[in-house]
Amino acid sequence: MQRDKQTLKKPLGAEETDGWKMLEKKLLACLHSCCLILVALQPESQPTTSDETVVAGGTVVLKCQVEDPDDSSLQWSNPAQQTLYFGEKRALRDNRIQLERSTPNELTISISDVVLSDEGEYTCSIFTMPVRTAKALVTVLGIPQKPQIFGHEQPIDEEKIARLTCRSSGSKPAAQLRWKKGNKELKDEGTEVVEDPNGKTFTVSSRVEFRVTKEDNEAEVTCTVDHESLQNSERSTTQKLQVHYKPTAKIEPHPQYPREGEKLQLQCDGQGNPIPREFLWEKEGSDVPLQLSSDSVLIFPFLNKSDSGTYVCTATSSMGSVVAKYNLDVSDFSQLPTPHVHSTPAPPPGPSQSISHASMATASSFTPAPIQDASPVPSTSSTYHAVIGGVVAVIVFLLLSLLIVLGHYLIRHKGTYLTHEAKGSDDAPDADTAIINAEGGQAGGDDKKEYFI
């Protein structure tokens, strides 16, 4: 009985041990599965990047960071999925791409001399299970070219409409254009944007229209392009307008106060754009022109009273003709006259005149001061000359008179002697007796006197 009990007890202990072992294995397997599930449910750290904007020709820096590299290396790829760098190893032979920093948690590269084709999405990857990636969008800005202005090549007639166009190419995105005339803003009439043949940049055109006046001649018109790639700087072009306008003229005398006997030049000063090149001189009341040439000066070599009258200068350019008048009164006044210049508009053109030519008249009058006597009165300078001449004449007259008196006196007293030799000799019988009996004798020789002048 005891042996049987012992035999029965032994198998029961072995089965119990085997059960515990199996239970232990199941628990371990369950624990392992739970750990795997927990690991699978735990989120893995993703690489981080940032989008970048760069101007064409500049340098862009791409930075990728990860908190948990899991003993794997980071990698950068271009938009064409070509590997640029894998850790510290260069994968693409492009000297523009350089390694800036490489650590288990960071991979930074730079691309210099960026071109438009470098634009796109760059990928940073870390090869774990599964592979983790991050995208970085690189935007390349196209720099607009210097704007050009068209439509100013030919001069514009005054009161006509000026139509100008400004154009700039190579911008990405499309640039903005603005206008100025001097310091005044001009509103454009419309903007046109056209894609360039490369399919990436744009050409922008803008138009302005405005009526021009003579004051717009040599005015500066500026077209400026605004774009984010210029970084707070501006790129502009300036052109000067050429406006043709009607001429003006006035007559200037040289000297200003002409007198009889002097030389006089009348200068017909013509202004305009273009400048008058033809000058016609006439005298009112005369049918024959005085002068027709490109010379604007009329010369009087020696003025006389017959030159008095009204002289007319007609200055002509391609924009029309203008008439200037000058009243000349040749006199010698005691007081200098005061010239009065006034302008009068020319009469409107007749039906037979060309519409494109305008005529205007400017009258310059030379009005003397009132004269009470018809005979000319000496001027101040002439009075001085008369006084000096009178003094000289008096002096000459006195000198001549003195010479005449002296000459007459000398002629009358020439060879006259005053002596006492014959005194007392009137009653002497002969000459010897007269000499002996002469008053004073030989001793009187010392009293002999002679007078000469």
Protein backbone atom coordinates (compact mmCIF):
# COMPACT_ATOMS: atom_id res chain seq x y z
CA MET A 1 0.00 0.00 0.00
CA GLN A 2 2.75 2.42 0.87
CA ARG A 3 4.64 1.71 -2.34
CA ASP A 4 1.51 2.34 -4.34
CA LYS A 5 0.98 5.66 -2.56
CA GLN A 6 4.54 6.68 -3.22
CA THR A 7 4.20 5.76 -6.87
CA LEU A 8 0.98 7.71 -7.18
CA LYS A 9 2.47 10.83 -5.47
CA LYS A 10 5.52 11.04 -7.76
CA PRO A 11 3.68 11.54 -11.09
CA LEU A 12 1.46 14.21 -9.50
CA GLY A 13 4.57 16.37 -8.52
CA ALA A 14 6.07 16.19 -12.06
CA GLU A 15 2.84 17.26 -13.68
CA GLU A 16 2.60 20.24 -11.32
CA THR A 17 6.12 21.36 -12.19
CA ASP A 18 5.49 21.11 -15.89
CA GLY A 19 2.34 23.17 -15.50
CA TRP A 20 4.16 25.90 -13.72
CA LYS A 21 6.81 26.01 -16.41
CA MET A 22 4.23 26.27 -19.14
CA LEU A 23 2.46 29.03 -17.25
CA GLU A 24 5.73 30.85 -16.85
CA LYS A 25 6.41 30.68 -20.58
CA LYS A 26 2.98 31.98 -21.38
CA LEU A 27 3.43 34.86 -18.99
CA LEU A 28 6.78 35.75 -20.53
CA ALA A 29 5.32 35.59 -24.02
CA CYS A 30 2.45 37.79 -22.95
CA LEU A 31 4.81 40.26 -21.34
CA HIS A 32 6.95 40.41 -24.48
CA SER A 33 3.90 41.01 -26.61
CA CYS A 34 2.78 43.79 -24.32
CA CYS A 35 6.19 45.40 -24.50
CA LEU A 36 6.12 45.22 -28.28
CA ILE A 37 2.69 46.76 -28.28
CA LEU A 38 3.85 49.54 -25.97
CA VAL A 39 6.88 50.20 -28.14
CA ALA A 40 4.72 50.25 -31.24
CA LEU A 41 2.25 52.62 -29.62
CA GLN A 42 4.98 55.04 -28.43
CA PRO A 43 5.36 57.91 -31.01
CA GLU A 44 8.80 58.28 -32.60
CA SER A 45 10.37 61.77 -32.89
CA GLN A 46 10.16 63.19 -36.43
CA PRO A 47 12.89 65.25 -38.16
CA THR A 48 12.19 68.98 -38.24
CA THR A 49 12.95 71.40 -41.12
CA SER A 50 11.80 74.87 -42.24
CA ASP A 51 10.82 76.44 -45.55
CA GLU A 52 13.31 78.91 -47.01
CA THR A 53 13.10 81.83 -49.47
CA VAL A 54 16.24 82.95 -51.31
CA VAL A 55 17.03 85.48 -54.01
CA ALA A 56 18.51 84.10 -57.19
CA GLY A 57 22.28 84.21 -56.88
CA GLY A 58 22.16 84.04 -53.09
CA THR A 59 22.81 81.22 -50.60
CA VAL A 60 20.21 79.06 -48.85
CA VAL A 61 20.87 77.00 -45.69
CA LEU A 62 18.90 73.76 -45.08
CA LYS A 63 18.81 72.51 -41.50
CA CYS A 64 17.40 69.15 -40.34
CA GLN A 65 17.18 68.10 -36.66
CA VAL A 66 15.89 64.99 -34.87
CA GLU A 67 15.66 64.20 -31.13
CA ASP A 68 15.97 60.40 -31.37
CA PRO A 69 18.33 59.36 -34.19
CA ASP A 70 18.10 55.66 -33.12
CA ASP A 71 21.70 55.09 -34.23
CA SER A 72 20.86 56.11 -37.79
CA SER A 73 22.20 58.91 -40.01
CA LEU A 74 20.28 61.82 -41.47
CA GLN A 75 20.08 62.42 -45.22
CA TRP A 76 19.22 65.38 -47.48
CA SER A 77 17.71 64.89 -50.97
CA ASN A 78 16.88 67.45 -53.69
CA PRO A 79 13.50 67.81 -55.48
CA ALA A 80 14.67 65.21 -58.02
CA GLN A 81 15.20 62.76 -55.09
CA GLN A 82 18.95 62.79 -55.62
CA THR A 83 20.88 62.35 -52.36
CA LEU A 84 22.95 65.39 -51.52
CA TYR A 85 24.50 64.31 -48.22
CA PHE A 86 24.20 61.13 -46.15
CA GLY A 87 25.61 62.07 -42.79
CA GLU A 88 29.04 63.52 -43.48
CA LYS A 89 29.35 61.87 -46.86
CA ARG A 90 28.81 63.90 -50.05
CA ALA A 91 26.62 62.04 -52.49
CA LEU A 92 26.19 64.56 -55.35
CA ARG A 93 29.15 66.24 -57.02
CA ASP A 94 28.05 69.85 -56.92
CA ASN A 95 30.54 72.30 -55.47
CA ARG A 96 27.75 74.74 -54.69
CA ILE A 97 26.47 72.32 -52.00
CA GLN A 98 28.55 72.32 -48.83
CA LEU A 99 28.28 70.58 -45.46
CA GLU A 100 27.79 73.05 -42.62
CA ARG A 101 27.18 70.72 -39.63
CA SER A 102 26.77 66.96 -39.08
CA THR A 103 25.91 65.35 -35.73
CA PRO A 104 23.69 62.38 -34.77
CA ASN A 105 20.89 64.86 -34.15
CA GLU A 106 21.49 67.45 -36.93
CA LEU A 107 22.46 67.67 -40.58
CA THR A 108 22.87 71.18 -42.07
CA ILE A 109 23.93 71.95 -45.63
CA SER A 110 24.15 75.14 -47.75
CA ILE A 111 23.59 75.81 -51.45
CA SER A 112 25.30 78.89 -52.92
CA ASP A 113 24.70 80.71 -56.21
CA VAL A 114 21.11 79.58 -56.20
CA VAL A 115 19.35 79.49 -59.57
CA LEU A 116 15.67 79.27 -60.41
CA SER A 117 15.96 75.53 -61.13
CA ASP A 118 16.99 74.94 -57.50
CA GLU A 119 13.44 75.74 -56.38
CA GLY A 120 11.34 72.88 -55.01
CA GLU A 121 10.84 70.51 -52.03
CA TYR A 122 13.96 69.16 -50.33
CA THR A 123 13.62 66.01 -48.14
CA CYS A 124 15.37 65.16 -44.88
CA SER A 125 15.22 61.43 -44.01
CA ILE A 126 16.32 59.19 -41.12
CA PHE A 127 16.37 55.48 -41.94
CA THR A 128 14.67 53.78 -39.03
CA MET A 129 11.79 51.27 -39.03
CA PRO A 130 9.75 52.86 -40.44
CA VAL A 131 11.70 55.61 -42.30
CA ARG A 132 10.98 59.09 -40.95
CA THR A 133 11.05 62.15 -43.30
CA ALA A 134 10.46 65.92 -43.32
CA LYS A 135 10.02 68.35 -46.22
CA ALA A 136 11.52 71.83 -46.74
CA LEU A 137 10.16 74.08 -49.53
CA VAL A 138 12.79 76.33 -51.13
CA THR A 139 11.41 79.35 -53.02
CA VAL A 140 13.76 81.20 -55.39
CA LEU A 141 12.94 84.83 -56.17
CA GLY A 142 13.72 86.11 -59.68
CA ILE A 143 15.30 89.58 -59.63
CA PRO A 144 13.62 91.97 -62.08
CA GLN A 145 15.81 93.61 -64.67
CA LYS A 146 16.27 97.38 -64.84
CA PRO A 147 13.12 98.84 -66.40
CA GLN A 148 13.16 100.38 -69.87
CA ILE A 149 11.03 103.30 -71.07
CA PHE A 150 9.72 103.43 -74.64
CA GLY A 151 7.91 106.22 -76.48
CA HIS A 152 10.22 109.15 -75.69
CA GLU A 153 12.54 108.73 -78.68
CA GLN A 154 10.84 111.43 -80.79
CA PRO A 155 10.00 114.96 -79.61
CA ILE A 156 6.36 115.58 -78.73
CA ASP A 157 4.52 118.71 -79.85
CA GLU A 158 2.98 120.78 -77.06
CA GLU A 159 -0.67 120.09 -76.25
CA LYS A 160 -0.29 116.60 -77.72
CA ILE A 161 -0.70 113.33 -75.75
CA ALA A 162 2.48 111.58 -74.62
CA ARG A 163 2.22 107.79 -74.50
CA LEU A 164 5.02 106.03 -72.64
CA THR A 165 5.58 102.33 -71.87
CA CYS A 166 7.78 100.86 -69.12
CA ARG A 167 8.88 97.22 -69.25
CA SER A 168 10.83 94.96 -66.87
CA SER A 169 11.65 91.24 -67.32
CA GLY A 170 12.94 88.41 -65.14
CA SER A 171 10.87 88.93 -62.01
CA LYS A 172 9.45 86.05 -59.95
CA PRO A 173 6.80 86.60 -58.80
CA ALA A 174 5.65 89.39 -61.14
CA ALA A 175 6.98 92.82 -60.13
CA GLN A 176 5.08 96.09 -59.66
CA LEU A 177 5.81 99.25 -61.73
CA ARG A 178 5.11 102.86 -60.79
CA TRP A 179 5.56 106.22 -62.58
CA LYS A 180 6.64 109.75 -61.63
CA LYS A 181 7.01 112.99 -63.61
CA GLY A 182 9.34 115.16 -61.61
CA ASN A 183 8.00 114.78 -58.06
CA LYS A 184 4.45 114.03 -59.15
CA GLU A 185 3.04 110.51 -59.25
CA LEU A 186 1.50 109.38 -62.54
CA LYS A 187 -1.37 106.93 -62.68
CA ASP A 188 -0.80 104.11 -65.14
CA GLU A 189 -3.34 103.25 -67.80
CA GLY A 190 -2.87 99.50 -67.42
CA THR A 191 -0.40 96.73 -66.54
CA GLU A 192 0.34 93.60 -68.55
CA VAL A 193 2.08 90.46 -67.19
CA VAL A 194 3.55 87.88 -69.60
CA GLU A 195 5.35 84.65 -68.67
CA ASP A 196 8.93 84.46 -69.90
CA PRO A 197 10.05 81.62 -72.20
CA ASN A 198 11.78 79.85 -69.30
CA GLY A 199 8.38 79.29 -67.71
CA LYS A 200 9.53 80.59 -64.33
CA THR A 201 9.84 84.39 -64.53
CA PHE A 202 7.58 87.17 -65.83
CA THR A 203 7.77 90.33 -67.93
CA VAL A 204 5.70 93.26 -66.67
CA SER A 205 4.65 96.25 -68.82
CA SER A 206 2.95 99.47 -67.71
CA ARG A 207 1.57 102.40 -69.78
CA VAL A 208 0.93 106.08 -68.98
CA GLU A 209 -0.68 108.87 -71.01
CA PHE A 210 -0.66 112.61 -70.31
CA ARG A 211 -0.92 115.92 -72.20
CA VAL A 212 2.36 117.84 -72.47
CA THR A 213 2.98 121.59 -72.33
CA LYS A 214 6.05 123.71 -72.99
CA GLU A 215 6.88 123.45 -69.26
CA ASP A 216 7.32 119.68 -69.75
CA ASN A 217 10.34 120.22 -71.98
CA GLU A 218 13.37 118.59 -70.31
CA ALA A 219 11.06 117.19 -67.58
CA GLU A 220 12.23 113.89 -66.07
CA VAL A 221 9.91 110.86 -66.22
CA THR A 222 10.89 107.96 -63.94
CA CYS A 223 9.73 104.33 -63.97
CA THR A 224 10.49 102.33 -60.82
CA VAL A 225 10.16 98.57 -60.28
CA ASP A 226 9.18 97.28 -56.83
CA HIS A 227 9.90 93.65 -55.86
CA GLU A 228 10.59 91.71 -52.69
CA SER A 229 13.89 90.45 -54.10
CA LEU A 230 15.28 94.00 -54.10
CA GLN A 231 15.24 94.05 -50.28
CA ASN A 232 14.04 97.61 -49.62
CA SER A 233 16.06 99.04 -52.51
CA GLU A 234 14.60 100.25 -55.76
CA ARG A 235 15.55 99.88 -59.40
CA SER A 236 14.47 102.67 -61.73
CA THR A 237 15.06 104.38 -65.08
CA THR A 238 14.73 108.11 -65.84
CA GLN A 239 14.25 109.74 -69.24
CA LYS A 240 13.90 113.41 -70.23
CA LEU A 241 11.02 114.56 -72.38
CA GLN A 242 11.60 116.65 -75.50
CA VAL A 243 8.63 118.93 -76.17
CA HIS A 244 8.40 121.13 -79.27
CA TYR A 245 6.60 124.42 -78.62
CA LYS A 246 5.89 127.71 -80.39
CA PRO A 247 8.69 130.28 -80.51
CA THR A 248 8.80 133.64 -78.73
CA ALA A 249 10.92 136.68 -79.59
CA LYS A 250 11.88 140.13 -78.34
CA ILE A 251 14.17 142.84 -79.70
CA GLU A 252 17.05 144.10 -77.57
CA PRO A 253 18.95 147.28 -78.63
CA HIS A 254 22.69 147.63 -78.07
CA PRO A 255 23.31 150.24 -76.75
CA GLN A 256 20.05 150.50 -74.91
CA TYR A 257 19.69 154.25 -75.56
CA PRO A 258 20.82 154.91 -79.14
CA ARG A 259 21.78 158.43 -80.31
CA GLU A 260 22.46 159.99 -83.65
CA GLY A 261 25.89 159.25 -85.04
CA GLU A 262 26.40 156.10 -82.98
CA LYS A 263 26.45 152.45 -84.02
CA LEU A 264 23.31 150.46 -83.16
CA GLN A 265 22.64 146.71 -83.12
CA LEU A 266 19.13 145.32 -82.84
CA GLN A 267 19.20 141.75 -81.46
CA CYS A 268 16.12 139.63 -82.21
CA ASP A 269 16.22 137.17 -79.30
CA GLY A 270 14.20 134.12 -80.39
CA GLN A 271 13.36 131.34 -77.93
CA GLY A 272 11.61 128.01 -78.47
CA ASN A 273 12.09 124.35 -79.18
CA PRO A 274 13.36 124.09 -81.80
CA ILE A 275 15.12 127.48 -81.68
CA PRO A 276 14.14 129.82 -84.55
CA ARG A 277 16.67 129.63 -87.38
CA GLU A 278 15.25 132.18 -89.81
CA PHE A 279 14.92 135.93 -89.10
CA LEU A 280 13.21 138.44 -91.40
CA TRP A 281 13.84 142.14 -90.71
CA GLU A 282 11.46 144.76 -92.09
CA LYS A 283 10.68 148.43 -91.56
CA GLU A 284 7.07 149.47 -91.40
CA GLY A 285 6.16 151.59 -94.40
CA SER A 286 8.84 149.98 -96.58
CA ASP A 287 8.00 147.35 -99.18
CA VAL A 288 11.51 145.95 -99.40
CA PRO A 289 12.73 143.62 -96.60
CA LEU A 290 15.87 144.80 -94.87
CA GLN A 291 17.39 141.39 -94.15
CA LEU A 292 16.45 137.69 -94.39
CA SER A 293 18.98 135.24 -92.97
CA SER A 294 19.86 133.06 -90.04
CA ASP A 295 21.51 136.07 -88.41
CA SER A 296 19.27 137.61 -85.78
CA VAL A 297 21.17 140.94 -85.61
CA LEU A 298 20.35 144.07 -87.61
CA ILE A 299 23.26 146.56 -87.63
CA PHE A 300 23.18 150.36 -88.15
CA PRO A 301 26.82 151.48 -88.59
CA PHE A 302 25.98 155.22 -88.25
CA LEU A 303 22.58 156.30 -86.97
CA ASN A 304 20.79 159.31 -88.38
CA LYS A 305 17.30 160.66 -88.01
CA SER A 306 16.17 159.05 -91.22
CA ASP A 307 16.56 155.64 -89.47
CA SER A 308 13.71 156.46 -87.12
CA GLY A 309 10.71 154.18 -87.44
CA THR A 310 9.22 150.85 -86.39
CA TYR A 311 11.31 147.76 -87.11
CA VAL A 312 9.75 144.30 -87.30
CA CYS A 313 11.55 140.98 -86.72
CA THR A 314 9.80 137.76 -87.77
CA ALA A 315 11.44 134.69 -86.18
CA THR A 316 10.47 131.34 -87.72
CA SER A 317 10.90 127.72 -86.57
CA SER A 318 9.23 124.45 -87.52
CA MET A 319 6.55 125.18 -84.89
CA GLY A 320 5.53 128.54 -86.39
CA SER A 321 6.50 132.21 -86.54
CA VAL A 322 6.53 135.06 -84.05
CA VAL A 323 6.69 138.83 -84.68
CA ALA A 324 8.54 141.34 -82.49
CA LYS A 325 8.47 145.12 -83.02
CA TYR A 326 10.79 147.93 -81.96
CA ASN A 327 10.12 151.69 -82.23
CA LEU A 328 13.34 153.61 -82.96
CA ASP A 329 13.44 157.39 -82.54
CA VAL A 330 16.88 158.75 -83.35
CA SER A 331 17.36 161.94 -81.30
CA ASP A 332 19.75 163.44 -78.79
CA PHE A 333 17.75 164.03 -75.63
CA SER A 334 18.68 165.96 -72.51
CA GLN A 335 17.20 163.20 -70.41
CA LEU A 336 17.65 159.54 -71.14
CA PRO A 337 14.40 157.97 -72.30
CA THR A 338 12.75 155.12 -70.51
CA PRO A 339 11.85 152.16 -72.78
CA HIS A 340 8.44 150.55 -72.40
CA VAL A 341 8.06 146.93 -73.52
CA HIS A 342 4.69 145.33 -73.92
CA SER A 343 3.38 142.19 -75.56
CA THR A 344 0.36 141.91 -77.79
CA PRO A 345 -1.02 138.69 -79.23
CA ALA A 346 -0.83 138.21 -82.98
CA PRO A 347 -4.10 138.09 -84.93
CA PRO A 348 -5.52 134.61 -85.54
CA PRO A 349 -4.27 132.90 -88.72
CA GLY A 350 -6.34 133.36 -91.86
CA PRO A 351 -7.94 130.54 -93.80
CA SER A 352 -4.99 130.32 -96.17
CA GLN A 353 -2.47 129.81 -93.36
CA SER A 354 -1.35 126.36 -92.28
CA ILE A 355 -3.06 125.02 -89.16
CA SER A 356 0.18 123.56 -87.76
CA HIS A 357 1.88 126.99 -87.77
CA ALA A 358 0.91 129.55 -85.16
CA SER A 359 1.79 133.21 -85.26
CA MET A 360 2.22 135.53 -82.31
CA ALA A 361 3.50 139.09 -82.01
CA THR A 362 5.48 140.83 -79.35
CA ALA A 363 5.86 144.61 -79.66
CA SER A 364 8.80 146.35 -78.02
CA SER A 365 8.40 150.15 -78.06
CA PHE A 366 11.05 152.71 -77.30
CA THR A 367 9.16 155.82 -76.08
CA PRO A 368 11.22 158.97 -75.39
CA ALA A 369 10.47 161.46 -72.64
CA PRO A 370 8.29 164.46 -73.59
CA ILE A 371 10.14 167.26 -75.45
CA GLN A 372 9.04 170.91 -75.07
CA ASP A 373 11.14 172.28 -77.94
CA ALA A 374 11.36 170.79 -81.39
CA SER A 375 15.07 171.56 -81.59
CA PRO A 376 17.38 169.02 -79.98
CA VAL A 377 18.67 169.98 -76.54
CA PRO A 378 22.21 168.92 -75.63
CA SER A 379 22.44 166.05 -73.27
CA THR A 380 24.51 166.12 -70.08
CA SER A 381 27.57 164.59 -71.73
CA SER A 382 27.21 166.96 -74.72
CA THR A 383 27.05 169.97 -72.35
CA TYR A 384 30.32 168.89 -70.77
CA HIS A 385 31.93 168.63 -74.19
CA ALA A 386 30.61 172.11 -75.18
CA VAL A 387 31.98 173.74 -72.00
CA ILE A 388 35.40 172.18 -72.51
CA GLY A 389 35.41 173.28 -76.15
CA GLY A 390 34.44 176.82 -75.20
CA VAL A 391 37.22 177.09 -72.64
CA VAL A 392 39.78 175.82 -75.13
CA ALA A 393 38.51 178.30 -77.76
CA VAL A 394 38.82 181.23 -75.33
CA ILE A 395 42.36 180.23 -74.40
CA VAL A 396 43.37 179.92 -78.06
CA PHE A 397 41.79 183.32 -78.82
CA LEU A 398 43.67 185.00 -75.98
CA LEU A 399 46.99 183.48 -77.05
CA LEU A 400 46.47 184.62 -80.63
CA SER A 401 45.54 188.13 -79.50
CA LEU A 402 48.65 188.37 -77.33
CA LEU A 403 50.89 187.23 -80.18
CA ILE A 404 49.38 189.85 -82.52
CA VAL A 405 49.97 192.70 -80.01
CA LEU A 406 53.53 191.65 -79.33
CA GLY A 407 54.31 191.36 -83.01
CA HIS A 408 52.95 194.79 -83.76
CA TYR A 409 54.98 196.33 -80.92
CA LEU A 410 58.23 194.68 -82.05
CA ILE A 411 57.80 195.88 -85.61
CA ARG A 412 57.28 199.51 -84.58
CA HIS A 413 60.34 199.72 -82.21
CA LYS A 414 62.89 197.86 -84.31
CA GLY A 415 66.47 199.76 -84.46
CA THR A 416 65.48 202.75 -82.29
CA TYR A 417 68.46 204.41 -80.23
CA LEU A 418 68.37 207.08 -77.56
CA THR A 419 71.78 208.99 -77.29
CA HIS A 420 73.12 212.47 -76.24
CA GLU A 421 76.00 212.69 -78.76
CA ALA A 422 74.50 215.55 -80.85
CA LYS A 423 73.28 217.59 -77.94
CA GLY A 424 74.76 221.22 -78.19
CA SER A 425 76.24 220.74 -81.67
CA ASP A 426 73.55 222.53 -83.58
CA ASP A 427 75.45 225.94 -83.53
CA ALA A 428 78.94 224.50 -84.14
CA PRO A 429 80.74 225.87 -87.32
CA ASP A 430 82.20 222.48 -88.16
CA ALA A 431 82.09 218.86 -87.06
CA ASP A 432 85.21 218.95 -84.93
CA THR A 433 83.91 221.94 -83.04
CA ALA A 434 80.59 220.21 -82.63
CA ILE A 435 82.29 217.15 -81.13
CA ILE A 436 84.44 219.29 -78.85
CA ASN A 437 81.54 221.45 -77.80
CA ALA A 438 79.14 218.53 -77.48
CA GLU A 439 77.48 218.40 -74.11
CA GLY A 440 79.38 216.10 -71.92
CA GLY A 441 82.22 215.57 -74.47
CA GLN A 442 83.81 212.12 -74.50
CA ALA A 443 82.98 211.74 -70.89
CA GLY A 444 79.37 211.49 -71.86
CA GLY A 445 80.01 208.17 -73.61
CA ASP A 446 79.07 206.29 -70.52
CA ASP A 447 75.63 207.83 -70.61
CA LYS A 448 74.81 206.40 -74.00
CA LYS A 449 71.84 204.04 -73.76
CA GLU A 450 70.28 201.58 -76.15
CA TYR A 451 66.95 199.86 -75.84
CA PHE A 452 66.04 196.58 -77.44
CA ILE A 453 63.01 194.47 -77.00
